[in-house]
């Protein structure tokens, strides 16, 4: 998962550097086989959750949205976005604010 406002790819992770990566969600060391990179931070797959519905984003897809500092699944992003722009007919597409 990549934040469009940052570098296109996360910094490389090797076996020697993995031990010092800290999860942005829980603050714990990331020693899992898989880790996620979103909003310029690393996350355990279990810690990267939608701010609204608490769905584990690593389990429901390979992308997520960000809005007002929240990390959201697609459904909640559309719901929050639709509430904000009532009356408009355009719904955010895949190129809008994907991280």
PDB file of N, CA and C in Angstrom:
ATOM      1  N   UNK A   1       0.851  -1.164   0.000  1.00  0.00           N
ATOM      2  CA  UNK A   1       0.000   0.000   0.000  1.00  0.00           C
ATOM      3  C   UNK A   1       0.892   1.219   0.000  1.00  0.00           C
ATOM      4  N   UNK A   2       0.610   2.139  -0.867  1.00  0.00           N
ATOM      5  CA  UNK A   2       1.492   3.274  -1.033  1.00  0.00           C
ATOM      6  C   UNK A   2       0.690   4.555  -0.942  1.00  0.00           C
ATOM      7  N   UNK A   3       1.199   5.515  -0.226  1.00  0.00           N
ATOM      8  CA  UNK A   3       0.597   6.822  -0.094  1.00  0.00           C
ATOM      9  C   UNK A   3       1.066   7.673  -1.268  1.00  0.00           C
ATOM     10  N   UNK A   4       0.134   8.242  -2.070  1.00  0.00           N
ATOM     11  CA  UNK A   4       0.565   9.004  -3.239  1.00  0.00           C
ATOM     12  C   UNK A   4       1.353  10.259  -2.890  1.00  0.00           C
ATOM     13  N   UNK A   5       1.253  10.752  -1.676  1.00  0.00           N
ATOM     14  CA  UNK A   5       1.988  11.940  -1.289  1.00  0.00           C
ATOM     15  C   UNK A   5       3.422  11.648  -0.896  1.00  0.00           C
ATOM     16  N   UNK A   6       3.789  10.395  -0.855  1.00  0.00           N
ATOM     17  CA  UNK A   6       5.142  10.035  -0.453  1.00  0.00           C
ATOM     18  C   UNK A   6       5.846   9.358  -1.611  1.00  0.00           C
ATOM     19  N   UNK A   7       6.973   8.736  -1.310  1.00  0.00           N
ATOM     20  CA  UNK A   7       7.690   8.026  -2.356  1.00  0.00           C
ATOM     21  C   UNK A   7       6.815   6.918  -2.918  1.00  0.00           C
ATOM     22  N   UNK A   8       7.044   6.540  -4.147  1.00  0.00           N
ATOM     23  CA  UNK A   8       6.195   5.555  -4.820  1.00  0.00           C
ATOM     24  C   UNK A   8       6.288   4.176  -4.189  1.00  0.00           C
ATOM     25  N   UNK A   9       7.406   3.861  -3.620  1.00  0.00           N
ATOM     26  CA  UNK A   9       7.598   2.534  -3.024  1.00  0.00           C
ATOM     27  C   UNK A   9       8.156   2.696  -1.619  1.00  0.00           C
ATOM     28  N   UNK A  10       7.816   1.776  -0.717  1.00  0.00           N
ATOM     29  CA  UNK A  10       8.409   1.838   0.616  1.00  0.00           C
ATOM     30  C   UNK A  10       9.889   1.523   0.544  1.00  0.00           C
ATOM     31  N   UNK A  11      10.632   1.973   1.542  1.00  0.00           N
ATOM     32  CA  UNK A  11      12.057   1.618   1.577  1.00  0.00           C
ATOM     33  C   UNK A  11      12.224   0.106   1.597  1.00  0.00           C
ATOM     34  N   UNK A  12      13.279  -0.416   1.005  1.00  0.00           N
ATOM     35  CA  UNK A  12      13.466  -1.864   0.978  1.00  0.00           C
ATOM     36  C   UNK A  12      13.626  -2.433   2.389  1.00  0.00           C
ATOM     37  N   UNK A  13      13.057  -3.603   2.585  1.00  0.00           N
ATOM     38  CA  UNK A  13      13.158  -4.292   3.868  1.00  0.00           C
ATOM     39  C   UNK A  13      13.923  -5.579   3.636  1.00  0.00           C
ATOM     40  N   UNK A  14      14.977  -5.760   4.400  1.00  0.00           N
ATOM     41  CA  UNK A  14      15.767  -6.990   4.313  1.00  0.00           C
ATOM     42  C   UNK A  14      15.719  -7.678   5.662  1.00  0.00           C
ATOM     43  N   UNK A  15      16.194  -8.891   5.724  1.00  0.00           N
ATOM     44  CA  UNK A  15      16.190  -9.639   6.980  1.00  0.00           C
ATOM     45  C   UNK A  15      16.950  -8.884   8.067  1.00  0.00           C
ATOM     46  N   UNK A  16      18.001  -8.177   7.695  1.00  0.00           N
ATOM     47  CA  UNK A  16      18.797  -7.469   8.700  1.00  0.00           C
ATOM     48  C   UNK A  16      18.119  -6.193   9.196  1.00  0.00           C
ATOM     49  N   UNK A  17      17.257  -5.560   8.389  1.00  0.00           N
ATOM     50  CA  UNK A  17      16.593  -4.326   8.822  1.00  0.00           C
ATOM     51  C   UNK A  17      15.209  -4.569   9.382  1.00  0.00           C
ATOM     52  N   UNK A  18      14.641  -5.746   9.167  1.00  0.00           N
ATOM     53  CA  UNK A  18      13.276  -6.016   9.601  1.00  0.00           C
ATOM     54  C   UNK A  18      13.126  -5.949  11.109  1.00  0.00           C
ATOM     55  N   UNK A  19      14.131  -6.352  11.859  1.00  0.00           N
ATOM     56  CA  UNK A  19      14.012  -6.424  13.305  1.00  0.00           C
ATOM     57  C   UNK A  19      13.756  -5.061  13.945  1.00  0.00           C
ATOM     58  N   UNK A  20      14.118  -3.963  13.298  1.00  0.00           N
ATOM     59  CA  UNK A  20      13.911  -2.653  13.914  1.00  0.00           C
ATOM     60  C   UNK A  20      12.670  -1.934  13.415  1.00  0.00           C
ATOM     61  N   UNK A  21      11.908  -2.513  12.496  1.00  0.00           N
ATOM     62  CA  UNK A  21      10.681  -1.877  12.031  1.00  0.00           C
ATOM     63  C   UNK A  21       9.652  -1.914  13.147  1.00  0.00           C
ATOM     64  N   UNK A  22       8.994  -0.809  13.383  1.00  0.00           N
ATOM     65  CA  UNK A  22       7.959  -0.697  14.415  1.00  0.00           C
ATOM     66  C   UNK A  22       6.614  -0.464  13.742  1.00  0.00           C
ATOM     67  N   UNK A  23       5.601  -1.102  14.272  1.00  0.00           N
ATOM     68  CA  UNK A  23       4.248  -0.976  13.748  1.00  0.00           C
ATOM     69  C   UNK A  23       3.654   0.371  14.172  1.00  0.00           C
ATOM     70  N   UNK A  24       3.079   1.098  13.225  1.00  0.00           N
ATOM     71  CA  UNK A  24       2.449   2.381  13.523  1.00  0.00           C
ATOM     72  C   UNK A  24       1.167   2.197  14.327  1.00  0.00           C
ATOM     73  N   UNK A  25       0.582   1.007  14.291  1.00  0.00           N
ATOM     74  CA  UNK A  25      -0.650   0.757  15.024  1.00  0.00           C
ATOM     75  C   UNK A  25      -0.427   0.424  16.480  1.00  0.00           C
ATOM     76  N   UNK A  26       0.430  -0.555  16.754  1.00  0.00           N
ATOM     77  CA  UNK A  26       0.615  -1.029  18.128  1.00  0.00           C
ATOM     78  C   UNK A  26       1.964  -0.637  18.720  1.00  0.00           C
ATOM     79  N   UNK A  27       2.884  -0.193  17.886  1.00  0.00           N
ATOM     80  CA  UNK A  27       4.206   0.187  18.364  1.00  0.00           C
ATOM     81  C   UNK A  27       5.163  -0.978  18.556  1.00  0.00           C
ATOM     82  N   UNK A  28       4.659  -2.194  18.335  1.00  0.00           N
ATOM     83  CA  UNK A  28       5.499  -3.373  18.511  1.00  0.00           C
ATOM     84  C   UNK A  28       6.432  -3.605  17.338  1.00  0.00           C
ATOM     85  N   UNK A  29       7.458  -4.415  17.580  1.00  0.00           N
ATOM     86  CA  UNK A  29       8.375  -4.776  16.499  1.00  0.00           C
ATOM     87  C   UNK A  29       7.645  -5.624  15.473  1.00  0.00           C
ATOM     88  N   UNK A  30       7.991  -5.440  14.230  1.00  0.00           N
ATOM     89  CA  UNK A  30       7.400  -6.240  13.165  1.00  0.00           C
ATOM     90  C   UNK A  30       8.375  -7.344  12.804  1.00  0.00           C
ATOM     91  N   UNK A  31       8.021  -8.552  13.195  1.00  0.00           N
ATOM     92  CA  UNK A  31       8.833  -9.727  12.882  1.00  0.00           C
ATOM     93  C   UNK A  31       7.989 -10.722  12.088  1.00  0.00           C
ATOM     94  N   UNK A  32       6.800 -10.287  11.662  1.00  0.00           N
ATOM     95  CA  UNK A  32       5.905 -11.129  10.881  1.00  0.00           C
ATOM     96  C   UNK A  32       6.496 -11.392   9.507  1.00  0.00           C
ATOM     97  N   UNK A  33       5.977 -12.399   8.853  1.00  0.00           N
ATOM     98  CA  UNK A  33       6.399 -12.694   7.489  1.00  0.00           C
ATOM     99  C   UNK A  33       5.940 -11.579   6.552  1.00  0.00           C
ATOM    100  N   UNK A  34       4.768 -10.998   6.828  1.00  0.00           N
ATOM    101  CA  UNK A  34       4.224  -9.938   5.991  1.00  0.00           C
ATOM    102  C   UNK A  34       4.045  -8.671   6.812  1.00  0.00           C
ATOM    103  N   UNK A  35       4.309  -7.525   6.181  1.00  0.00           N
ATOM    104  CA  UNK A  35       4.030  -6.247   6.791  1.00  0.00           C
ATOM    105  C   UNK A  35       3.454  -5.345   5.721  1.00  0.00           C
ATOM    106  N   UNK A  36       2.734  -4.340   6.138  1.00  0.00           N
ATOM    107  CA  UNK A  36       2.097  -3.424   5.206  1.00  0.00           C
ATOM    108  C   UNK A  36       2.738  -2.051   5.344  1.00  0.00           C
ATOM    109  N   UNK A  37       2.675  -1.271   4.276  1.00  0.00           N
ATOM    110  CA  UNK A  37       3.215   0.075   4.268  1.00  0.00           C
ATOM    111  C   UNK A  37       2.109   1.017   3.803  1.00  0.00           C
ATOM    112  N   UNK A  38       1.673   1.916   4.690  1.00  0.00           N
ATOM    113  CA  UNK A  38       0.622   2.882   4.364  1.00  0.00           C
ATOM    114  C   UNK A  38       0.868   4.154   5.156  1.00  0.00           C
ATOM    115  N   UNK A  39       0.574   5.279   4.575  1.00  0.00           N
ATOM    116  CA  UNK A  39       0.730   6.582   5.220  1.00  0.00           C
ATOM    117  C   UNK A  39       2.145   6.757   5.790  1.00  0.00           C
ATOM    118  N   UNK A  40       3.126   6.383   5.000  1.00  0.00           N
ATOM    119  CA  UNK A  40       4.544   6.532   5.347  1.00  0.00           C
ATOM    120  C   UNK A  40       4.954   5.753   6.601  1.00  0.00           C
ATOM    121  N   UNK A  41       4.225   4.695   6.914  1.00  0.00           N
ATOM    122  CA  UNK A  41       4.527   3.880   8.092  1.00  0.00           C
ATOM    123  C   UNK A  41       4.359   2.404   7.778  1.00  0.00           C
ATOM    124  N   UNK A  42       5.017   1.577   8.591  1.00  0.00           N
ATOM    125  CA  UNK A  42       4.858   0.131   8.492  1.00  0.00           C
ATOM    126  C   UNK A  42       3.804  -0.322   9.491  1.00  0.00           C
ATOM    127  N   UNK A  43       3.102  -1.399   9.148  1.00  0.00           N
ATOM    128  CA  UNK A  43       2.019  -1.924   9.980  1.00  0.00           C
ATOM    129  C   UNK A  43       2.064  -3.446   9.974  1.00  0.00           C
ATOM    130  N   UNK A  44       1.732  -4.060  11.125  1.00  0.00           N
ATOM    131  CA  UNK A  44       1.398  -5.483  11.108  1.00  0.00           C
ATOM    132  C   UNK A  44       0.129  -5.622  10.282  1.00  0.00           C
ATOM    133  N   UNK A  45      -0.049  -6.738   9.622  1.00  0.00           N
ATOM    134  CA  UNK A  45      -1.274  -6.926   8.837  1.00  0.00           C
ATOM    135  C   UNK A  45      -2.507  -6.886   9.742  1.00  0.00           C
ATOM    136  N   UNK A  46      -2.380  -7.298  10.995  1.00  0.00           N
ATOM    137  CA  UNK A  46      -3.528  -7.289  11.915  1.00  0.00           C
ATOM    138  C   UNK A  46      -3.819  -5.889  12.458  1.00  0.00           C
ATOM    139  N   UNK A  47      -2.875  -4.956  12.353  1.00  0.00           N
ATOM    140  CA  UNK A  47      -3.032  -3.622  12.945  1.00  0.00           C
ATOM    141  C   UNK A  47      -3.567  -2.568  11.982  1.00  0.00           C
ATOM    142  N   UNK A  48      -3.419  -2.775  10.676  1.00  0.00           N
ATOM    143  CA  UNK A  48      -3.911  -1.788   9.721  1.00  0.00           C
ATOM    144  C   UNK A  48      -5.403  -2.021   9.538  1.00  0.00           C
ATOM    145  N   UNK A  49      -6.199  -1.175  10.194  1.00  0.00           N
ATOM    146  CA  UNK A  49      -7.649  -1.352  10.224  1.00  0.00           C
ATOM    147  C   UNK A  49      -8.355  -0.095   9.752  1.00  0.00           C
ATOM    148  N   UNK A  50      -9.550  -0.285   9.225  1.00  0.00           N
ATOM    149  CA  UNK A  50     -10.406   0.835   8.850  1.00  0.00           C
ATOM    150  C   UNK A  50     -10.787   1.595  10.121  1.00  0.00           C
ATOM    151  N   UNK A  51     -10.660   2.908  10.091  1.00  0.00           N
ATOM    152  CA  UNK A  51     -10.985   3.734  11.254  1.00  0.00           C
ATOM    153  C   UNK A  51     -12.464   3.692  11.609  1.00  0.00           C
ATOM    154  N   UNK A  52     -13.324   3.349  10.646  1.00  0.00           N
ATOM    155  CA  UNK A  52     -14.765   3.313  10.919  1.00  0.00           C
ATOM    156  C   UNK A  52     -15.261   1.931  11.323  1.00  0.00           C
ATOM    157  N   UNK A  53     -15.023   0.924  10.490  1.00  0.00           N
ATOM    158  CA  UNK A  53     -15.606  -0.402  10.736  1.00  0.00           C
ATOM    159  C   UNK A  53     -14.627  -1.388  11.368  1.00  0.00           C
ATOM    160  N   UNK A  54     -13.377  -0.999  11.531  1.00  0.00           N
ATOM    161  CA  UNK A  54     -12.330  -1.822  12.143  1.00  0.00           C
ATOM    162  C   UNK A  54     -11.962  -3.071  11.333  1.00  0.00           C
ATOM    163  N   UNK A  55     -12.366  -3.123  10.063  1.00  0.00           N
ATOM    164  CA  UNK A  55     -11.979  -4.257   9.206  1.00  0.00           C
ATOM    165  C   UNK A  55     -10.470  -4.240   9.016  1.00  0.00           C
ATOM    166  N   UNK A  56      -9.850  -5.412   9.064  1.00  0.00           N
ATOM    167  CA  UNK A  56      -8.421  -5.510   8.813  1.00  0.00           C
ATOM    168  C   UNK A  56      -8.208  -5.331   7.312  1.00  0.00           C
ATOM    169  N   UNK A  57      -7.594  -4.237   6.937  1.00  0.00           N
ATOM    170  CA  UNK A  57      -7.492  -3.861   5.528  1.00  0.00           C
ATOM    171  C   UNK A  57      -6.622  -4.814   4.729  1.00  0.00           C
ATOM    172  N   UNK A  58      -5.667  -5.447   5.348  1.00  0.00           N
ATOM    173  CA  UNK A  58      -4.833  -6.416   4.653  1.00  0.00           C
ATOM    174  C   UNK A  58      -5.607  -7.656   4.243  1.00  0.00           C
ATOM    175  N   UNK A  59      -6.720  -7.920   4.903  1.00  0.00           N
ATOM    176  CA  UNK A  59      -7.528  -9.097   4.597  1.00  0.00           C
ATOM    177  C   UNK A  59      -8.594  -8.837   3.549  1.00  0.00           C
ATOM    178  N   UNK A  60      -8.972  -7.564   3.352  1.00  0.00           N
ATOM    179  CA  UNK A  60     -10.070  -7.288   2.421  1.00  0.00           C
ATOM    180  C   UNK A  60      -9.613  -6.683   1.100  1.00  0.00           C
ATOM    181  N   UNK A  61      -8.320  -6.515   0.912  1.00  0.00           N
ATOM    182  CA  UNK A  61      -7.849  -5.973  -0.353  1.00  0.00           C
ATOM    183  C   UNK A  61      -6.402  -5.554  -0.273  1.00  0.00           C
ATOM    184  N   UNK A  62      -5.944  -4.954  -1.353  1.00  0.00           N
ATOM    185  CA  UNK A  62      -4.555  -4.512  -1.411  1.00  0.00           C
ATOM    186  C   UNK A  62      -4.438  -2.998  -1.385  1.00  0.00           C
ATOM    187  N   UNK A  63      -5.551  -2.298  -1.211  1.00  0.00           N
ATOM    188  CA  UNK A  63      -5.541  -0.843  -1.190  1.00  0.00           C
ATOM    189  C   UNK A  63      -6.471  -0.333  -0.108  1.00  0.00           C
ATOM    190  N   UNK A  64      -6.240   0.921   0.278  1.00  0.00           N
ATOM    191  CA  UNK A  64      -7.128   1.572   1.220  1.00  0.00           C
ATOM    192  C   UNK A  64      -7.129   3.065   0.906  1.00  0.00           C
ATOM    193  N   UNK A  65      -8.046   3.777   1.540  1.00  0.00           N
ATOM    194  CA  UNK A  65      -8.187   5.218   1.336  1.00  0.00           C
ATOM    195  C   UNK A  65      -7.789   5.957   2.602  1.00  0.00           C
ATOM    196  N   UNK A  66      -7.483   7.245   2.445  1.00  0.00           N
ATOM    197  CA  UNK A  66      -7.257   8.090   3.595  1.00  0.00           C
ATOM    198  C   UNK A  66      -8.089   9.359   3.436  1.00  0.00           C
ATOM    199  N   UNK A  67      -8.663   9.795   4.537  1.00  0.00           N
ATOM    200  CA  UNK A  67      -9.488  11.003   4.537  1.00  0.00           C
ATOM    201  C   UNK A  67      -9.403  11.617   5.923  1.00  0.00           C
ATOM    202  N   UNK A  68      -9.016  12.870   6.012  1.00  0.00           N
ATOM    203  CA  UNK A  68      -8.938  13.593   7.289  1.00  0.00           C
ATOM    204  C   UNK A  68      -8.139  12.839   8.338  1.00  0.00           C
ATOM    205  N   UNK A  69      -7.043  12.224   7.926  1.00  0.00           N
ATOM    206  CA  UNK A  69      -6.185  11.502   8.852  1.00  0.00           C
ATOM    207  C   UNK A  69      -6.670  10.111   9.222  1.00  0.00           C
ATOM    208  N   UNK A  70      -7.812   9.690   8.671  1.00  0.00           N
ATOM    209  CA  UNK A  70      -8.329   8.347   8.937  1.00  0.00           C
ATOM    210  C   UNK A  70      -7.910   7.417   7.816  1.00  0.00           C
ATOM    211  N   UNK A  71      -7.724   6.157   8.142  1.00  0.00           N
ATOM    212  CA  UNK A  71      -7.483   5.123   7.144  1.00  0.00           C
ATOM    213  C   UNK A  71      -8.809   4.384   6.988  1.00  0.00           C
ATOM    214  N   UNK A  72      -9.284   4.265   5.751  1.00  0.00           N
ATOM    215  CA  UNK A  72     -10.621   3.734   5.516  1.00  0.00           C
ATOM    216  C   UNK A  72     -10.637   2.649   4.453  1.00  0.00           C
ATOM    217  N   UNK A  73     -11.568   1.714   4.609  1.00  0.00           N
ATOM    218  CA  UNK A  73     -11.850   0.766   3.529  1.00  0.00           C
ATOM    219  C   UNK A  73     -12.640   1.526   2.462  1.00  0.00           C
ATOM    220  N   UNK A  74     -12.766   0.934   1.306  1.00  0.00           N
ATOM    221  CA  UNK A  74     -13.448   1.610   0.201  1.00  0.00           C
ATOM    222  C   UNK A  74     -14.888   1.971   0.553  1.00  0.00           C
ATOM    223  N   UNK A  75     -15.620   1.047   1.168  1.00  0.00           N
ATOM    224  CA  UNK A  75     -17.025   1.310   1.496  1.00  0.00           C
ATOM    225  C   UNK A  75     -17.177   2.488   2.452  1.00  0.00           C
ATOM    226  N   UNK A  76     -16.363   2.541   3.487  1.00  0.00           N
ATOM    227  CA  UNK A  76     -16.465   3.651   4.441  1.00  0.00           C
ATOM    228  C   UNK A  76     -15.964   4.950   3.838  1.00  0.00           C
ATOM    229  N   UNK A  77     -14.965   4.883   2.968  1.00  0.00           N
ATOM    230  CA  UNK A  77     -14.502   6.105   2.304  1.00  0.00           C
ATOM    231  C   UNK A  77     -15.626   6.698   1.464  1.00  0.00           C
ATOM    232  N   UNK A  78     -16.303   5.853   0.714  1.00  0.00           N
ATOM    233  CA  UNK A  78     -17.405   6.345  -0.115  1.00  0.00           C
ATOM    234  C   UNK A  78     -18.514   6.904   0.769  1.00  0.00           C
ATOM    235  N   UNK A  79     -18.820   6.224   1.870  1.00  0.00           N
ATOM    236  CA  UNK A  79     -19.876   6.701   2.772  1.00  0.00           C
ATOM    237  C   UNK A  79     -19.502   8.053   3.373  1.00  0.00           C
ATOM    238  N   UNK A  80     -18.276   8.186   3.891  1.00  0.00           N
ATOM    239  CA  UNK A  80     -17.826   9.441   4.489  1.00  0.00           C
ATOM    240  C   UNK A  80     -17.760  10.530   3.424  1.00  0.00           C
ATOM    241  N   UNK A  81     -17.231  10.199   2.274  1.00  0.00           N
ATOM    242  CA  UNK A  81     -17.106  11.168   1.191  1.00  0.00           C
ATOM    243  C   UNK A  81     -18.481  11.611   0.716  1.00  0.00           C
ATOM    244  N   UNK A  82     -19.426  10.675   0.586  1.00  0.00           N
ATOM    245  CA  UNK A  82     -20.774  11.000   0.117  1.00  0.00           C
ATOM    246  C   UNK A  82     -21.487  11.927   1.100  1.00  0.00           C
ATOM    247  N   UNK A  83     -21.290  11.718   2.405  1.00  0.00           N
ATOM    248  CA  UNK A  83     -21.892  12.601   3.402  1.00  0.00           C
ATOM    249  C   UNK A  83     -21.338  14.014   3.276  1.00  0.00           C
ATOM    250  N   UNK A  84     -20.067  14.117   2.937  1.00  0.00           N
ATOM    251  CA  UNK A  84     -19.406  15.414   2.837  1.00  0.00           C
ATOM    252  C   UNK A  84     -19.847  16.193   1.602  1.00  0.00           C
ATOM    253  N   UNK A  85     -20.133  15.503   0.525  1.00  0.00           N
ATOM    254  CA  UNK A  85     -20.446  16.166  -0.742  1.00  0.00           C
ATOM    255  C   UNK A  85     -21.855  15.823  -1.213  1.00  0.00           C
ATOM    256  N   UNK A  86     -22.823  15.837  -0.307  1.00  0.00           N
ATOM    257  CA  UNK A  86     -24.203  15.522  -0.670  1.00  0.00           C
ATOM    258  C   UNK A  86     -24.633  16.377  -1.850  1.00  0.00           C
ATOM    259  N   UNK A  87     -25.341  15.738  -2.737  1.00  0.00           N
ATOM    260  CA  UNK A  87     -25.819  16.438  -3.916  1.00  0.00           C
ATOM    261  C   UNK A  87     -24.960  16.234  -5.141  1.00  0.00           C
ATOM    262  N   UNK A  88     -23.723  15.858  -4.967  1.00  0.00           N
ATOM    263  CA  UNK A  88     -22.869  15.568  -6.116  1.00  0.00           C
ATOM    264  C   UNK A  88     -23.134  14.152  -6.587  1.00  0.00           C
ATOM    265  N   UNK A  89     -22.913  13.927  -7.862  1.00  0.00           N
ATOM    266  CA  UNK A  89     -23.128  12.590  -8.396  1.00  0.00           C
ATOM    267  C   UNK A  89     -21.835  11.830  -8.605  1.00  0.00           C
ATOM    268  N   UNK A  90     -20.694  12.509  -8.555  1.00  0.00           N
ATOM    269  CA  UNK A  90     -19.438  11.791  -8.790  1.00  0.00           C
ATOM    270  C   UNK A  90     -18.984  11.093  -7.513  1.00  0.00           C
ATOM    271  N   UNK A  91     -18.619   9.860  -7.639  1.00  0.00           N
ATOM    272  CA  UNK A  91     -18.131   9.048  -6.537  1.00  0.00           C
ATOM    273  C   UNK A  91     -16.649   8.816  -6.769  1.00  0.00           C
ATOM    274  N   UNK A  92     -15.837   8.875  -5.729  1.00  0.00           N
ATOM    275  CA  UNK A  92     -14.396   8.703  -5.946  1.00  0.00           C
ATOM    276  C   UNK A  92     -14.078   7.365  -6.589  1.00  0.00           C
ATOM    277  N   UNK A  93     -13.177   7.411  -7.532  1.00  0.00           N
ATOM    278  CA  UNK A  93     -12.776   6.200  -8.230  1.00  0.00           C
ATOM    279  C   UNK A  93     -11.447   5.688  -7.725  1.00  0.00           C
ATOM    280  N   UNK A  94     -10.940   4.641  -8.351  1.00  0.00           N
ATOM    281  CA  UNK A  94      -9.707   4.010  -7.889  1.00  0.00           C
ATOM    282  C   UNK A  94      -8.494   4.938  -7.894  1.00  0.00           C
ATOM    283  N   UNK A  95      -8.505   5.966  -8.711  1.00  0.00           N
ATOM    284  CA  UNK A  95      -7.341   6.854  -8.753  1.00  0.00           C
ATOM    285  C   UNK A  95      -7.418   7.949  -7.710  1.00  0.00           C
ATOM    286  N   UNK A  96      -8.510   8.048  -6.957  1.00  0.00           N
ATOM    287  CA  UNK A  96      -8.684   9.101  -5.966  1.00  0.00           C
ATOM    288  C   UNK A  96      -8.185   8.653  -4.601  1.00  0.00           C
ATOM    289  N   UNK A  97      -7.122   9.231  -4.113  1.00  0.00           N
ATOM    290  CA  UNK A  97      -6.630   9.103  -2.759  1.00  0.00           C
ATOM    291  C   UNK A  97      -6.350   7.674  -2.328  1.00  0.00           C
ATOM    292  N   UNK A  98      -6.049   6.775  -3.237  1.00  0.00           N
ATOM    293  CA  UNK A  98      -5.658   5.419  -2.845  1.00  0.00           C
ATOM    294  C   UNK A  98      -4.304   5.486  -2.188  1.00  0.00           C
ATOM    295  N   UNK A  99      -4.123   4.728  -1.129  1.00  0.00           N
ATOM    296  CA  UNK A  99      -2.805   4.616  -0.522  1.00  0.00           C
ATOM    297  C   UNK A  99      -2.373   3.183  -0.523  1.00  0.00           C
TER     298      UNK A  99
END
